[in-house]
Amino acid sequence: MKKNILTGIRPTGNLHLGHYFGAGQNWLKLQDDEQYDFHLEIADVQALTDHFDDPAMVRKNVYELATDLLSIGLNPKKVHLYIQSQIPEIAELTVFYSNLVTMARLYRNPTVKTEIKQKKELFGNEGESVTYGFVGYPVSQAADITAFDGELIPVGDDQLPLIEQCREIVRKFNSIYGVTLKEPEPLLSPTPRIKGLDGNDKMGKSLGNAIYLVDDEETIHKKVMNAITDPDKIKKDDPANPEICMVYYYHKLIKNPNLETVCEECKKGHRGCVQCKKELITKMNEFLEPIREKKKYYDTHPEEVKEILQEGTNHARGKAKETITKVKKAMQIDY
């Protein structure tokens, strides 16, 4: 029997290099492993916890994200790509599970605490207006996972508290209603969090430090020319420390075959920052061009994308129906 892998991503914008190297590369490996049945959810309902007042943007982003995922090489014959809101069983499970966790426990979730803090830093007093849907999204995520008997959940270490909360909900459900649900295990990404152009430990849309997979050559040029380098390198011929330079960091990330030369010339002061940035711009565009070409194809074949999503959603719905039947029987509400 294949093990069920379940992961998801919120449609809040295009994919950037942080998504690709932090998760996407791992997904590409997992889809080719025949011991897994891989479900990938476009979590539009969870996106609405942040953007409930702009549904048109969320809907647009669903298709943008789908084309991005296909463009990096996800194969719909190997991965069930589906839309969260089209699986009503997930919403039913969310309601049932909401009785199994207290608000105090949700507020103690480290991931939720961090994101509430970020909201307050970004929006000031408006950050106090955190909705129930936002605080409760770990419950929704538990429904996402258990709806498909998710056994392995690919995540970064920052998402571990969410998986543990799901495990708690599963244990409590099983202790009350009998063993019905599988307790998932995290599958940690082998890639650490990807840094932003500004040196921040996390690349993110809200931080303005990301390179997107759809960025054109002019945009790449502007972003890389503003990347942070060794602050102690004042003149072109000053020796520098490449390990604290974001330009060198990205040379390593995209596996520039000239990496050893870049490193040595930087240390000896034989390479200026402008020269190094220009080389990175060239290599970065070479790296992104195949993804851009696939993106153009899917953008001009929207019906093909919709068909892929429909097929993935139909498959996912079938699995979720099996789960809700078991859950309702266990809860004695299968009237």
Protein backbone atom coordinates (compact mmCIF):
# COMPACT_ATOMS: atom_id res chain seq x y z
CA MET A 1 0.00 0.00 0.00
CA LYS A 2 1.26 3.46 -0.89
CA LYS A 3 1.65 5.99 1.91
CA ASN A 4 -0.40 9.17 1.59
CA ILE A 5 1.59 12.39 1.38
CA LEU A 6 -0.36 15.59 1.90
CA THR A 7 0.95 19.11 1.59
CA GLY A 8 -0.55 22.44 0.71
CA ILE A 9 0.19 26.02 -0.21
CA ARG A 10 -1.90 29.15 0.14
CA PRO A 11 -2.60 31.09 -3.08
CA THR A 12 -1.30 34.47 -1.95
CA GLY A 13 0.79 35.25 -5.03
CA ASN A 14 3.36 33.80 -7.42
CA LEU A 15 6.01 31.34 -6.26
CA HIS A 16 9.45 32.71 -5.44
CA LEU A 17 12.86 31.07 -5.02
CA GLY A 18 12.12 30.46 -1.34
CA HIS A 19 9.17 28.29 -2.33
CA TYR A 20 11.12 26.52 -5.06
CA PHE A 21 14.25 25.64 -3.08
CA GLY A 22 12.52 25.34 0.30
CA ALA A 23 9.71 23.02 -0.83
CA GLY A 24 9.30 22.70 -4.61
CA GLN A 25 12.49 20.73 -5.25
CA ASN A 26 11.51 18.27 -2.54
CA TRP A 27 8.02 17.88 -4.06
CA LEU A 28 9.59 17.04 -7.42
CA LYS A 29 11.57 14.23 -5.81
CA LEU A 30 8.57 12.91 -3.86
CA GLN A 31 6.33 12.78 -6.93
CA ASP A 32 8.76 10.37 -8.57
CA ASP A 33 8.84 8.04 -5.56
CA GLU A 34 6.41 5.23 -6.30
CA GLN A 35 5.87 4.38 -2.62
CA TYR A 36 3.79 7.55 -2.17
CA ASP A 37 0.36 8.78 -3.22
CA PHE A 38 0.90 12.54 -3.36
CA HIS A 39 -1.88 15.10 -2.76
CA LEU A 40 -1.10 18.81 -3.10
CA GLU A 41 -3.75 21.26 -1.95
CA ILE A 42 -4.20 24.84 -3.14
CA ALA A 43 -5.52 26.16 0.17
CA ASP A 44 -7.82 28.96 -0.98
CA VAL A 45 -10.01 28.81 2.14
CA GLN A 46 -6.94 29.38 4.31
CA ALA A 47 -5.93 32.26 2.04
CA LEU A 48 -9.31 33.83 2.83
CA THR A 49 -8.38 33.99 6.52
CA ASP A 50 -6.03 36.83 5.50
CA HIS A 51 -7.86 38.10 2.41
CA PHE A 52 -11.57 37.49 3.10
CA ASP A 53 -12.29 41.01 1.81
CA ASP A 54 -10.68 40.39 -1.60
CA PRO A 55 -12.08 37.10 -2.98
CA ALA A 56 -11.37 38.10 -6.58
CA MET A 57 -7.65 38.25 -5.80
CA VAL A 58 -7.71 34.84 -4.12
CA ARG A 59 -9.54 33.30 -7.09
CA LYS A 60 -7.01 34.80 -9.52
CA ASN A 61 -4.14 33.56 -7.38
CA VAL A 62 -5.49 30.00 -7.42
CA TYR A 63 -4.88 29.79 -11.17
CA GLU A 64 -1.60 31.71 -10.96
CA LEU A 65 -0.34 29.28 -8.35
CA ALA A 66 -1.53 26.26 -10.33
CA THR A 67 0.38 27.39 -13.42
CA ASP A 68 3.48 28.11 -11.30
CA LEU A 69 3.36 24.61 -9.79
CA LEU A 70 3.02 23.01 -13.20
CA SER A 71 5.80 25.23 -14.56
CA ILE A 72 8.36 24.01 -12.03
CA GLY A 73 7.69 20.44 -13.15
CA LEU A 74 4.90 19.02 -11.01
CA ASN A 75 3.29 16.24 -13.04
CA PRO A 76 -0.52 15.94 -12.73
CA LYS A 77 -0.18 12.24 -13.54
CA LYS A 78 1.88 11.83 -10.37
CA VAL A 79 0.44 14.52 -8.08
CA HIS A 80 -3.24 15.10 -7.29
CA LEU A 81 -3.48 18.90 -7.50
CA TYR A 82 -6.77 20.17 -6.09
CA ILE A 83 -8.59 23.21 -4.70
CA GLN A 84 -9.43 23.17 -0.99
CA SER A 85 -12.79 24.96 -1.22
CA GLN A 86 -14.10 22.37 -3.67
CA ILE A 87 -13.90 19.64 -1.02
CA PRO A 88 -16.87 20.40 1.31
CA GLU A 89 -15.93 17.44 3.51
CA ILE A 90 -12.93 19.46 4.72
CA ALA A 91 -15.29 22.17 6.00
CA GLU A 92 -17.43 19.54 7.76
CA LEU A 93 -14.39 18.04 9.48
CA THR A 94 -13.24 21.53 10.53
CA VAL A 95 -16.56 22.05 12.35
CA PHE A 96 -16.35 18.67 14.07
CA TYR A 97 -12.74 19.19 15.16
CA SER A 98 -13.43 22.70 16.49
CA ASN A 99 -15.05 21.05 19.52
CA LEU A 100 -11.84 19.19 20.31
CA VAL A 101 -9.50 22.13 20.84
CA THR A 102 -9.71 25.17 23.11
CA MET A 103 -9.08 28.77 22.08
CA ALA A 104 -6.34 28.93 24.72
CA ARG A 105 -4.55 26.03 23.01
CA LEU A 106 -4.82 27.71 19.62
CA TYR A 107 -3.33 30.94 20.97
CA ARG A 108 -0.43 28.96 22.46
CA ASN A 109 0.45 27.49 19.06
CA PRO A 110 3.90 29.01 18.31
CA THR A 111 3.14 29.39 14.59
CA VAL A 112 -0.13 31.22 15.30
CA LYS A 113 1.56 33.42 17.94
CA THR A 114 4.31 34.38 15.49
CA GLU A 115 1.89 35.23 12.69
CA ILE A 116 -0.32 37.33 15.01
CA LYS A 117 2.80 39.21 16.12
CA GLN A 118 3.76 39.82 12.48
CA LYS A 119 0.27 41.16 11.77
CA LYS A 120 0.57 43.62 14.63
CA GLU A 121 4.00 44.77 13.44
CA LEU A 122 2.71 45.26 9.88
CA PHE A 123 -0.71 46.76 10.62
CA GLY A 124 -0.39 48.35 14.07
CA ASN A 125 -3.67 48.40 15.99
CA GLU A 126 -5.42 46.71 13.07
CA GLY A 127 -3.40 43.63 13.94
CA GLU A 128 -5.59 43.28 17.03
CA SER A 129 -8.55 42.49 14.77
CA VAL A 130 -7.54 38.87 14.29
CA THR A 131 -10.47 36.75 13.12
CA TYR A 132 -11.59 33.39 14.48
CA GLY A 133 -10.82 31.93 11.06
CA PHE A 134 -7.20 33.08 11.32
CA VAL A 135 -6.68 31.78 14.86
CA GLY A 136 -8.49 28.56 13.98
CA TYR A 137 -6.67 27.68 10.80
CA PRO A 138 -4.69 24.90 12.54
CA VAL A 139 -8.07 23.18 12.98
CA SER A 140 -8.78 23.59 9.28
CA GLN A 141 -5.32 22.25 8.52
CA ALA A 142 -6.02 19.17 10.66
CA ALA A 143 -9.12 18.63 8.50
CA ASP A 144 -7.01 19.04 5.35
CA ILE A 145 -4.63 16.33 6.51
CA THR A 146 -7.07 13.79 7.92
CA ALA A 147 -9.56 14.11 5.05
CA PHE A 148 -7.07 12.21 2.90
CA ASP A 149 -5.57 9.96 5.59
CA GLY A 150 -2.41 12.04 5.38
CA GLU A 151 0.44 10.00 6.84
CA LEU A 152 3.48 12.06 5.85
CA ILE A 153 3.35 15.86 5.73
CA PRO A 154 6.30 17.65 4.05
CA VAL A 155 6.97 20.80 6.10
CA GLY A 156 9.65 23.19 7.23
CA ASP A 157 10.58 23.20 10.91
CA ASP A 158 8.49 26.36 11.45
CA GLN A 159 5.37 24.31 10.64
CA LEU A 160 5.99 21.55 13.18
CA PRO A 161 3.67 23.11 15.81
CA LEU A 162 0.78 22.89 13.32
CA ILE A 163 1.43 19.20 12.70
CA GLU A 164 1.61 18.55 16.43
CA GLN A 165 -1.73 20.31 16.89
CA CYS A 166 -3.22 18.03 14.23
CA ARG A 167 -1.82 15.00 16.03
CA GLU A 168 -3.43 16.18 19.28
CA ILE A 169 -6.81 16.55 17.56
CA VAL A 170 -6.52 13.08 16.03
CA ARG A 171 -5.64 11.51 19.40
CA LYS A 172 -8.54 13.24 21.12
CA PHE A 173 -11.00 12.23 18.39
CA ASN A 174 -9.84 8.61 18.53
CA SER A 175 -9.99 8.53 22.34
CA ILE A 176 -13.63 9.73 22.32
CA TYR A 177 -15.07 8.05 19.24
CA GLY A 178 -12.80 5.05 18.71
CA VAL A 179 -9.75 4.70 16.48
CA THR A 180 -10.86 6.21 13.18
CA LEU A 181 -8.19 8.66 12.04
CA LYS A 182 -4.51 8.25 11.22
CA GLU A 183 -1.98 10.29 13.18
CA PRO A 184 0.28 12.09 10.68
CA GLU A 185 4.06 12.38 10.82
CA PRO A 186 6.04 15.42 9.64
CA LEU A 187 8.46 14.93 6.77
CA LEU A 188 11.01 17.67 7.26
CA SER A 189 12.34 19.43 4.19
CA PRO A 190 16.05 18.72 3.64
CA THR A 191 16.50 22.37 2.61
CA PRO A 192 16.79 25.11 5.26
CA ARG A 193 14.77 28.29 4.97
CA ILE A 194 15.89 30.43 2.00
CA LYS A 195 17.23 33.89 2.76
CA GLY A 196 16.01 37.07 1.08
CA LEU A 197 18.04 39.48 -1.05
CA ASP A 198 18.30 41.78 1.98
CA GLY A 199 19.92 39.08 4.11
CA ASN A 200 16.74 38.40 6.07
CA ASP A 201 16.50 34.78 7.20
CA LYS A 202 13.23 34.38 5.31
CA MET A 203 12.33 35.30 1.76
CA GLY A 204 8.78 36.63 1.61
CA LYS A 205 6.35 38.71 -0.37
CA SER A 206 5.53 41.02 2.53
CA LEU A 207 9.26 41.61 3.16
CA GLY A 208 9.93 42.76 -0.42
CA ASN A 209 13.08 40.65 -0.64
CA ALA A 210 12.02 37.89 -3.01
CA ILE A 211 12.94 36.81 -6.53
CA TYR A 212 9.84 35.36 -8.20
CA LEU A 213 9.96 32.55 -10.73
CA VAL A 214 8.03 34.75 -13.17
CA ASP A 215 10.32 37.80 -12.81
CA ASP A 216 11.54 39.00 -16.20
CA GLU A 217 15.14 39.89 -17.04
CA GLU A 218 14.76 43.58 -16.25
CA THR A 219 13.22 42.83 -12.86
CA ILE A 220 15.95 40.33 -12.04
CA HIS A 221 18.56 42.95 -12.94
CA LYS A 222 17.06 45.58 -10.62
CA LYS A 223 16.65 43.18 -7.70
CA VAL A 224 20.11 41.61 -7.89
CA MET A 225 21.84 44.99 -8.25
CA ASN A 226 20.28 45.96 -4.91
CA ALA A 227 21.27 42.73 -3.12
CA ILE A 228 23.25 43.01 0.13
CA THR A 229 27.00 42.31 -0.07
CA ASP A 230 29.84 42.33 2.48
CA PRO A 231 29.50 45.78 4.13
CA ASP A 232 33.27 45.89 4.79
CA LYS A 233 34.09 45.76 1.08
CA ILE A 234 34.28 49.47 0.27
CA LYS A 235 36.45 49.54 -2.85
CA LYS A 236 36.37 47.24 -5.84
CA ASP A 237 39.74 45.65 -5.00
CA ASP A 238 39.07 45.13 -1.28
CA PRO A 239 39.09 41.48 -0.21
CA ALA A 240 35.71 40.34 1.09
CA ASN A 241 33.95 37.52 2.89
CA PRO A 242 31.65 35.72 0.42
CA GLU A 243 29.91 33.81 3.22
CA ILE A 244 28.11 36.98 4.38
CA CYS A 245 27.32 38.18 0.86
CA MET A 246 23.84 37.53 -0.52
CA VAL A 247 25.14 37.60 -4.09
CA TYR A 248 27.44 34.66 -3.35
CA TYR A 249 24.59 32.97 -1.45
CA TYR A 250 22.49 32.99 -4.63
CA HIS A 251 25.43 31.85 -6.77
CA LYS A 252 25.50 28.78 -4.51
CA LEU A 253 21.73 28.38 -4.51
CA ILE A 254 21.43 28.11 -8.30
CA LYS A 255 24.65 26.06 -8.49
CA ASN A 256 26.72 28.39 -10.64
CA PRO A 257 29.39 26.11 -12.19
CA ASN A 258 31.86 28.99 -11.74
CA LEU A 259 31.28 29.04 -7.97
CA GLU A 260 34.82 28.19 -6.86
CA THR A 261 36.25 31.02 -8.98
CA VAL A 262 33.65 33.46 -7.65
CA CYS A 263 34.60 32.56 -4.08
CA GLU A 264 38.37 32.78 -4.53
CA GLU A 265 38.29 36.04 -6.52
CA CYS A 266 36.03 37.60 -3.89
CA LYS A 267 38.34 36.63 -1.02
CA LYS A 268 41.43 37.96 -2.81
CA GLY A 269 39.85 41.22 -3.92
CA HIS A 270 40.09 40.28 -7.59
CA ARG A 271 36.34 40.65 -8.18
CA GLY A 272 34.17 43.71 -7.77
CA CYS A 273 30.59 43.51 -6.51
CA VAL A 274 29.14 44.92 -9.73
CA GLN A 275 30.96 42.30 -11.81
CA CYS A 276 29.75 39.57 -9.45
CA LYS A 277 26.14 40.81 -9.57
CA LYS A 278 26.17 40.94 -13.36
CA GLU A 279 27.37 37.34 -13.53
CA LEU A 280 24.61 36.31 -11.09
CA ILE A 281 22.01 38.11 -13.22
CA THR A 282 23.10 36.11 -16.28
CA LYS A 283 23.12 32.80 -14.41
CA MET A 284 19.81 33.55 -12.68
CA ASN A 285 18.08 34.25 -15.97
CA GLU A 286 19.50 31.04 -17.46
CA PHE A 287 18.14 29.15 -14.45
CA LEU A 288 14.66 30.72 -14.64
CA GLU A 289 14.18 30.66 -18.42
CA PRO A 290 12.84 27.05 -18.68
CA ILE A 291 10.31 27.82 -15.92
CA ARG A 292 9.26 31.03 -17.66
CA GLU A 293 8.73 29.15 -20.93
CA LYS A 294 6.47 26.56 -19.27
CA LYS A 295 4.62 29.37 -17.53
CA LYS A 296 3.91 31.01 -20.89
CA TYR A 297 2.53 27.72 -22.19
CA TYR A 298 0.12 27.21 -19.29
CA ASP A 299 -0.91 30.88 -19.26
CA THR A 300 -2.00 30.50 -22.90
CA HIS A 301 -3.75 27.16 -22.24
CA PRO A 302 -6.04 27.98 -19.28
CA GLU A 303 -8.53 25.23 -20.14
CA GLU A 304 -5.78 22.64 -19.74
CA VAL A 305 -4.99 24.03 -16.27
CA LYS A 306 -8.68 23.97 -15.29
CA GLU A 307 -8.97 20.37 -16.47
CA ILE A 308 -5.94 19.34 -14.41
CA LEU A 309 -7.42 21.00 -11.32
CA GLN A 310 -10.80 19.39 -11.93
CA GLU A 311 -9.32 15.91 -12.26
CA GLY A 312 -7.22 16.36 -9.11
CA THR A 313 -10.18 17.74 -7.19
CA ASN A 314 -12.45 14.87 -8.27
CA HIS A 315 -9.89 12.35 -7.02
CA ALA A 316 -9.45 14.22 -3.73
CA ARG A 317 -13.21 14.50 -3.24
CA GLY A 318 -13.55 10.73 -3.53
CA LYS A 319 -10.97 10.20 -0.77
CA ALA A 320 -12.57 12.83 1.46
CA LYS A 321 -16.02 11.23 1.09
CA GLU A 322 -14.62 7.95 2.39
CA THR A 323 -13.18 9.75 5.43
CA ILE A 324 -16.34 11.71 6.28
CA THR A 325 -18.36 8.50 6.12
CA LYS A 326 -16.06 6.88 8.70
CA VAL A 327 -16.06 9.98 10.91
CA LYS A 328 -19.84 10.37 10.95
CA LYS A 329 -20.30 6.69 11.75
CA ALA A 330 -17.84 6.97 14.65
CA MET A 331 -19.64 10.09 15.92
CA GLN A 332 -23.05 8.37 15.53
CA ILE A 333 -24.37 11.10 13.21
CA ASP A 334 -24.73 8.89 10.14
CA TYR A 335 -28.51 9.18 10.17
